[in-house]
Amino acid sequence: MGKVVMLVVGTLLGLFVLFNFLLPMLVGLVKLALIVGVIALVAFIAVTVVSKSSRSH
């Protein structure tokens, strides 16, 4: 009986940690990666446009 209670308590604690700490951290990392990716894409497009316009003159 004690093993079953400890198993249930351990499972609930693991789910608590997963949903309250790990998932929000992963969502934050994905958001950060998307923001950095968009900034890099905009910088790449800006450099490409500037280099093509300066080469044509």
Protein backbone atom coordinates (compact mmCIF):
# COMPACT_ATOMS: atom_id res chain seq x y z
CA MET A 1 0.00 0.00 0.00
CA GLY A 2 2.85 2.40 0.82
CA LYS A 3 4.49 1.71 -2.55
CA VAL A 4 1.29 2.57 -4.40
CA VAL A 5 0.84 5.81 -2.46
CA MET A 6 4.45 6.82 -3.10
CA LEU A 7 4.07 5.93 -6.79
CA VAL A 8 0.98 8.13 -7.11
CA VAL A 9 2.62 11.00 -5.18
CA GLY A 10 5.78 10.72 -7.30
CA THR A 11 3.77 10.69 -10.52
CA LEU A 12 1.75 13.74 -9.47
CA LEU A 13 4.93 15.58 -8.46
CA GLY A 14 6.57 14.69 -11.79
CA LEU A 15 3.56 15.99 -13.72
CA PHE A 16 3.56 19.17 -11.60
CA VAL A 17 7.21 19.81 -12.40
CA LEU A 18 6.65 19.03 -16.10
CA PHE A 19 3.70 21.35 -16.58
CA ASN A 20 4.83 24.20 -14.33
CA PHE A 21 8.55 24.40 -15.08
CA LEU A 22 9.71 22.44 -18.11
CA LEU A 23 6.97 23.18 -20.65
CA PRO A 24 6.95 26.97 -20.11
CA MET A 25 10.74 26.97 -20.35
CA LEU A 26 10.60 25.07 -23.64
CA VAL A 27 7.92 27.41 -25.00
CA GLY A 28 10.12 30.37 -24.05
CA LEU A 29 13.09 28.83 -25.85
CA VAL A 30 11.01 28.23 -28.98
CA LYS A 31 9.77 31.83 -28.90
CA LEU A 32 13.34 33.08 -28.51
CA ALA A 33 14.52 30.91 -31.41
CA LEU A 34 11.70 32.20 -33.63
CA ILE A 35 12.48 35.83 -32.78
CA VAL A 36 16.19 35.34 -33.47
CA GLY A 37 15.35 33.56 -36.73
CA VAL A 38 13.09 36.38 -37.92
CA ILE A 39 15.73 38.99 -37.06
CA ALA A 40 18.37 36.98 -38.94
CA LEU A 41 16.07 36.64 -41.96
CA VAL A 42 15.40 40.39 -42.04
CA ALA A 43 19.13 41.11 -41.77
CA PHE A 44 19.88 38.64 -44.57
CA ILE A 45 17.24 40.20 -46.84
CA ALA A 46 18.52 43.72 -46.07
CA VAL A 47 22.12 42.77 -46.87
CA THR A 48 21.05 41.05 -50.09
CA VAL A 49 19.01 44.04 -51.26
CA VAL A 50 21.79 46.52 -50.42
CA SER A 51 24.44 44.45 -52.18
CA LYS A 52 22.34 44.06 -55.33
CA SER A 53 21.54 47.77 -55.47
CA SER A 54 25.15 48.81 -54.93
CA ARG A 55 26.41 46.36 -57.56
CA SER A 56 24.06 47.72 -60.25
CA HIS A 57 25.37 51.30 -59.90
